[in-house]
Amino acid sequence: MTDFLKSVPTDSMASRKEAVMNAIKQEVALSAAQTLMNSVNERCFKACVQKPGTSLGSSEQTCLARCQDRYLEAFNIVRKTYMSRLSKERMEDQANVI
């Protein structure tokens, strides 16, 4: 190790590493949420707005709201199923180790 790293307490390095990892996780989550919302908006706009103009009609607004709701409901179903599967696989892996 370099002299600098020897002088930094291990606990301090661990807490800094954890803070950096948490910040990175937050940035990744934010980026994923922005990507999801951009995808929802793009797909729903294409499906609901046939003739873009200066404002949306009431039927277009209703269509957009319903489309976004359905898209996010489907996303949440897939997310929950995926998380459940990951959890199940982790439990199976842990059971196989023991």
N, C-alpha and C. Protein backbone atom coordinates (compact mmCIF):
# COMPACT_ATOMS: atom_id res chain seq x y z
N MET A 1 0.83 -1.18 0.00
CA MET A 1 0.00 0.00 0.00
C MET A 1 0.87 1.24 0.00
N THR A 2 0.31 2.30 -0.53
CA THR A 2 1.05 3.56 -0.48
C THR A 2 0.97 4.13 0.92
N ASP A 3 1.86 5.08 1.21
CA ASP A 3 1.88 5.70 2.54
C ASP A 3 0.56 6.40 2.84
N PHE A 4 -0.05 7.00 1.82
CA PHE A 4 -1.32 7.70 2.03
C PHE A 4 -2.40 6.74 2.52
N LEU A 5 -2.53 5.60 1.85
CA LEU A 5 -3.56 4.64 2.23
C LEU A 5 -3.31 4.05 3.61
N LYS A 6 -2.05 3.95 4.01
CA LYS A 6 -1.74 3.43 5.34
C LYS A 6 -2.20 4.40 6.42
N SER A 7 -2.20 5.70 6.12
CA SER A 7 -2.55 6.70 7.12
C SER A 7 -4.06 6.88 7.29
N VAL A 8 -4.87 6.40 6.33
CA VAL A 8 -6.32 6.55 6.41
C VAL A 8 -6.89 5.37 7.20
N PRO A 9 -7.67 5.63 8.24
CA PRO A 9 -8.26 4.54 9.02
C PRO A 9 -9.17 3.67 8.15
N THR A 10 -9.15 2.38 8.41
CA THR A 10 -9.93 1.43 7.62
C THR A 10 -11.42 1.72 7.72
N ASP A 11 -11.91 2.06 8.90
CA ASP A 11 -13.33 2.38 9.08
C ASP A 11 -13.73 3.57 8.22
N SER A 12 -12.87 4.57 8.16
CA SER A 12 -13.14 5.76 7.37
C SER A 12 -13.21 5.41 5.89
N MET A 13 -12.29 4.57 5.43
CA MET A 13 -12.30 4.16 4.03
C MET A 13 -13.56 3.37 3.71
N ALA A 14 -13.96 2.49 4.62
CA ALA A 14 -15.15 1.68 4.40
C ALA A 14 -16.40 2.56 4.34
N SER A 15 -16.49 3.54 5.22
CA SER A 15 -17.67 4.41 5.21
C SER A 15 -17.69 5.29 3.97
N ARG A 16 -16.54 5.74 3.53
CA ARG A 16 -16.47 6.53 2.29
C ARG A 16 -16.86 5.68 1.09
N LYS A 17 -16.36 4.46 1.07
CA LYS A 17 -16.69 3.55 -0.04
C LYS A 17 -18.19 3.30 -0.06
N GLU A 18 -18.78 3.08 1.10
CA GLU A 18 -20.22 2.84 1.18
C GLU A 18 -21.00 4.07 0.72
N ALA A 19 -20.56 5.25 1.10
CA ALA A 19 -21.22 6.49 0.68
C ALA A 19 -21.16 6.66 -0.83
N VAL A 20 -20.01 6.37 -1.41
CA VAL A 20 -19.86 6.47 -2.87
C VAL A 20 -20.76 5.46 -3.56
N MET A 21 -20.80 4.24 -3.05
CA MET A 21 -21.65 3.20 -3.64
C MET A 21 -23.12 3.59 -3.56
N ASN A 22 -23.54 4.15 -2.43
CA ASN A 22 -24.93 4.60 -2.29
C ASN A 22 -25.25 5.72 -3.26
N ALA A 23 -24.33 6.65 -3.44
CA ALA A 23 -24.53 7.75 -4.39
C ALA A 23 -24.65 7.20 -5.81
N ILE A 24 -23.82 6.23 -6.15
CA ILE A 24 -23.87 5.63 -7.48
C ILE A 24 -25.20 4.91 -7.68
N LYS A 25 -25.65 4.17 -6.67
CA LYS A 25 -26.93 3.47 -6.77
C LYS A 25 -28.07 4.46 -6.99
N GLN A 26 -28.04 5.59 -6.29
CA GLN A 26 -29.08 6.61 -6.45
C GLN A 26 -29.06 7.19 -7.86
N GLU A 27 -27.87 7.44 -8.39
CA GLU A 27 -27.75 7.97 -9.75
C GLU A 27 -28.28 6.97 -10.78
N VAL A 28 -27.96 5.70 -10.59
CA VAL A 28 -28.44 4.66 -11.51
C VAL A 28 -29.96 4.57 -11.45
N ALA A 29 -30.52 4.61 -10.24
CA ALA A 29 -31.97 4.55 -10.08
C ALA A 29 -32.64 5.75 -10.73
N LEU A 30 -32.07 6.93 -10.56
CA LEU A 30 -32.62 8.14 -11.17
C LEU A 30 -32.57 8.04 -12.69
N SER A 31 -31.46 7.57 -13.21
CA SER A 31 -31.32 7.42 -14.65
C SER A 31 -32.33 6.41 -15.20
N ALA A 32 -32.53 5.31 -14.49
CA ALA A 32 -33.51 4.31 -14.92
C ALA A 32 -34.92 4.88 -14.91
N ALA A 33 -35.25 5.65 -13.89
CA ALA A 33 -36.57 6.27 -13.80
C ALA A 33 -36.78 7.26 -14.94
N GLN A 34 -35.76 8.05 -15.25
CA GLN A 34 -35.87 9.01 -16.35
C GLN A 34 -36.04 8.28 -17.68
N THR A 35 -35.31 7.20 -17.88
CA THR A 35 -35.42 6.41 -19.11
C THR A 35 -36.82 5.83 -19.23
N LEU A 36 -37.34 5.30 -18.13
CA LEU A 36 -38.69 4.74 -18.13
C LEU A 36 -39.72 5.80 -18.50
N MET A 37 -39.64 6.96 -17.86
CA MET A 37 -40.62 8.01 -18.14
C MET A 37 -40.51 8.53 -19.57
N ASN A 38 -39.29 8.63 -20.09
CA ASN A 38 -39.12 9.05 -21.48
C ASN A 38 -39.76 8.03 -22.42
N SER A 39 -39.57 6.76 -22.14
CA SER A 39 -40.16 5.71 -22.96
C SER A 39 -41.68 5.75 -22.89
N VAL A 40 -42.22 5.90 -21.69
CA VAL A 40 -43.67 5.99 -21.51
C VAL A 40 -44.22 7.17 -22.31
N ASN A 41 -43.62 8.32 -22.13
CA ASN A 41 -44.11 9.52 -22.81
C ASN A 41 -44.04 9.38 -24.33
N GLU A 42 -42.93 8.86 -24.82
CA GLU A 42 -42.77 8.71 -26.27
C GLU A 42 -43.79 7.74 -26.85
N ARG A 43 -43.92 6.58 -26.24
CA ARG A 43 -44.86 5.57 -26.75
C ARG A 43 -46.31 6.03 -26.66
N CYS A 44 -46.66 6.62 -25.53
CA CYS A 44 -48.05 7.06 -25.35
C CYS A 44 -48.37 8.24 -26.26
N PHE A 45 -47.42 9.13 -26.46
CA PHE A 45 -47.66 10.26 -27.35
C PHE A 45 -47.91 9.76 -28.77
N LYS A 46 -47.09 8.81 -29.22
CA LYS A 46 -47.29 8.25 -30.57
C LYS A 46 -48.64 7.57 -30.70
N ALA A 47 -49.08 6.90 -29.64
CA ALA A 47 -50.34 6.17 -29.69
C ALA A 47 -51.56 7.09 -29.57
N CYS A 48 -51.43 8.19 -28.86
CA CYS A 48 -52.60 9.00 -28.52
C CYS A 48 -52.74 10.29 -29.33
N VAL A 49 -51.66 10.83 -29.81
CA VAL A 49 -51.72 12.13 -30.50
C VAL A 49 -51.49 11.89 -31.99
N GLN A 50 -52.60 11.89 -32.73
CA GLN A 50 -52.53 11.62 -34.16
C GLN A 50 -52.07 12.84 -34.96
N LYS A 51 -52.56 14.01 -34.56
CA LYS A 51 -52.21 15.25 -35.25
C LYS A 51 -51.73 16.27 -34.22
N PRO A 52 -50.42 16.31 -33.99
CA PRO A 52 -49.90 17.26 -32.99
C PRO A 52 -50.25 18.70 -33.34
N GLY A 53 -50.61 19.45 -32.35
CA GLY A 53 -50.93 20.86 -32.52
C GLY A 53 -50.39 21.66 -31.36
N THR A 54 -50.98 22.82 -31.15
CA THR A 54 -50.49 23.69 -30.08
C THR A 54 -50.99 23.25 -28.71
N SER A 55 -52.07 22.46 -28.67
CA SER A 55 -52.58 21.97 -27.39
C SER A 55 -53.22 20.60 -27.60
N LEU A 56 -53.40 19.89 -26.50
CA LEU A 56 -54.01 18.56 -26.56
C LEU A 56 -55.51 18.68 -26.34
N GLY A 57 -56.25 17.90 -27.11
CA GLY A 57 -57.69 17.83 -26.89
C GLY A 57 -57.99 16.98 -25.67
N SER A 58 -59.23 17.03 -25.20
CA SER A 58 -59.59 16.28 -24.00
C SER A 58 -59.47 14.78 -24.22
N SER A 59 -59.81 14.30 -25.42
CA SER A 59 -59.68 12.86 -25.69
C SER A 59 -58.21 12.44 -25.73
N GLU A 60 -57.34 13.32 -26.23
CA GLU A 60 -55.91 13.02 -26.24
C GLU A 60 -55.35 13.00 -24.81
N GLN A 61 -55.79 13.94 -23.99
CA GLN A 61 -55.34 13.97 -22.59
C GLN A 61 -55.78 12.71 -21.85
N THR A 62 -57.03 12.30 -22.09
CA THR A 62 -57.55 11.09 -21.46
C THR A 62 -56.76 9.87 -21.92
N CYS A 63 -56.52 9.80 -23.22
CA CYS A 63 -55.76 8.68 -23.79
C CYS A 63 -54.35 8.63 -23.20
N LEU A 64 -53.69 9.77 -23.11
CA LEU A 64 -52.34 9.82 -22.55
C LEU A 64 -52.33 9.35 -21.09
N ALA A 65 -53.29 9.82 -20.32
CA ALA A 65 -53.35 9.43 -18.90
C ALA A 65 -53.56 7.93 -18.76
N ARG A 66 -54.49 7.39 -19.53
CA ARG A 66 -54.76 5.95 -19.46
C ARG A 66 -53.56 5.14 -19.95
N CYS A 67 -52.96 5.58 -21.02
CA CYS A 67 -51.80 4.89 -21.58
C CYS A 67 -50.66 4.86 -20.57
N GLN A 68 -50.39 5.99 -19.96
CA GLN A 68 -49.31 6.06 -18.96
C GLN A 68 -49.62 5.16 -17.77
N ASP A 69 -50.87 5.16 -17.33
CA ASP A 69 -51.26 4.31 -16.20
C ASP A 69 -51.06 2.83 -16.54
N ARG A 70 -51.50 2.43 -17.73
CA ARG A 70 -51.35 1.03 -18.14
C ARG A 70 -49.89 0.64 -18.27
N TYR A 71 -49.11 1.51 -18.86
CA TYR A 71 -47.69 1.24 -19.06
C TYR A 71 -47.00 1.04 -17.71
N LEU A 72 -47.28 1.93 -16.77
CA LEU A 72 -46.64 1.83 -15.45
C LEU A 72 -47.16 0.64 -14.66
N GLU A 73 -48.44 0.29 -14.82
CA GLU A 73 -48.97 -0.91 -14.17
C GLU A 73 -48.25 -2.15 -14.70
N ALA A 74 -48.09 -2.22 -16.02
CA ALA A 74 -47.39 -3.36 -16.62
C ALA A 74 -45.94 -3.41 -16.14
N PHE A 75 -45.30 -2.25 -16.09
CA PHE A 75 -43.92 -2.20 -15.61
C PHE A 75 -43.83 -2.72 -14.18
N ASN A 76 -44.76 -2.30 -13.33
CA ASN A 76 -44.74 -2.73 -11.93
C ASN A 76 -44.99 -4.23 -11.79
N ILE A 77 -45.85 -4.79 -12.61
CA ILE A 77 -46.08 -6.24 -12.58
C ILE A 77 -44.80 -6.98 -12.95
N VAL A 78 -44.16 -6.53 -14.01
CA VAL A 78 -42.91 -7.17 -14.45
C VAL A 78 -41.84 -7.00 -13.37
N ARG A 79 -41.73 -5.81 -12.79
CA ARG A 79 -40.72 -5.55 -11.75
C ARG A 79 -40.94 -6.45 -10.54
N LYS A 80 -42.18 -6.55 -10.08
CA LYS A 80 -42.47 -7.38 -8.91
C LYS A 80 -42.18 -8.85 -9.20
N THR A 81 -42.55 -9.32 -10.38
CA THR A 81 -42.28 -10.70 -10.75
C THR A 81 -40.79 -10.96 -10.81
N TYR A 82 -40.05 -10.04 -11.40
CA TYR A 82 -38.60 -10.17 -11.50
C TYR A 82 -37.95 -10.18 -10.12
N MET A 83 -38.36 -9.26 -9.25
CA MET A 83 -37.80 -9.20 -7.90
C MET A 83 -38.13 -10.47 -7.11
N SER A 84 -39.33 -10.98 -7.29
CA SER A 84 -39.73 -12.21 -6.62
C SER A 84 -38.87 -13.38 -7.10
N ARG A 85 -38.64 -13.44 -8.39
CA ARG A 85 -37.81 -14.51 -8.95
C ARG A 85 -36.38 -14.41 -8.44
N LEU A 86 -35.84 -13.20 -8.40
CA LEU A 86 -34.48 -13.03 -7.88
C LEU A 86 -34.39 -13.46 -6.42
N SER A 87 -35.38 -13.08 -5.64
CA SER A 87 -35.40 -13.44 -4.23
C SER A 87 -35.46 -14.96 -4.06
N LYS A 88 -36.30 -15.59 -4.85
CA LYS A 88 -36.44 -17.05 -4.79
C LYS A 88 -35.12 -17.72 -5.17
N GLU A 89 -34.47 -17.24 -6.22
CA GLU A 89 -33.20 -17.83 -6.64
C GLU A 89 -32.13 -17.64 -5.58
N ARG A 90 -32.10 -16.48 -4.94
CA ARG A 90 -31.12 -16.25 -3.87
C ARG A 90 -31.34 -17.21 -2.71
N MET A 91 -32.60 -17.41 -2.36
CA MET A 91 -32.91 -18.33 -1.27
C MET A 91 -32.50 -19.75 -1.63
N GLU A 92 -32.75 -20.15 -2.88
CA GLU A 92 -32.35 -21.48 -3.33
C GLU A 92 -30.84 -21.63 -3.32
N ASP A 93 -30.14 -20.58 -3.76
CA ASP A 93 -28.68 -20.62 -3.76
C ASP A 93 -28.14 -20.74 -2.34
N GLN A 94 -28.73 -20.01 -1.42
CA GLN A 94 -28.29 -20.08 -0.02
C GLN A 94 -28.58 -21.45 0.57
N ALA A 95 -29.71 -22.04 0.20
CA ALA A 95 -30.05 -23.37 0.71
C ALA A 95 -29.09 -24.42 0.17
N ASN A 96 -28.64 -24.24 -1.07
CA ASN A 96 -27.71 -25.19 -1.68
C ASN A 96 -26.32 -25.08 -1.08
N VAL A 97 -25.97 -23.91 -0.58
CA VAL A 97 -24.65 -23.70 0.02
C VAL A 97 -24.57 -24.38 1.38
N ILE A 98 -25.67 -24.34 2.10
CA ILE A 98 -25.68 -24.89 3.46
C ILE A 98 -25.72 -26.37 3.45
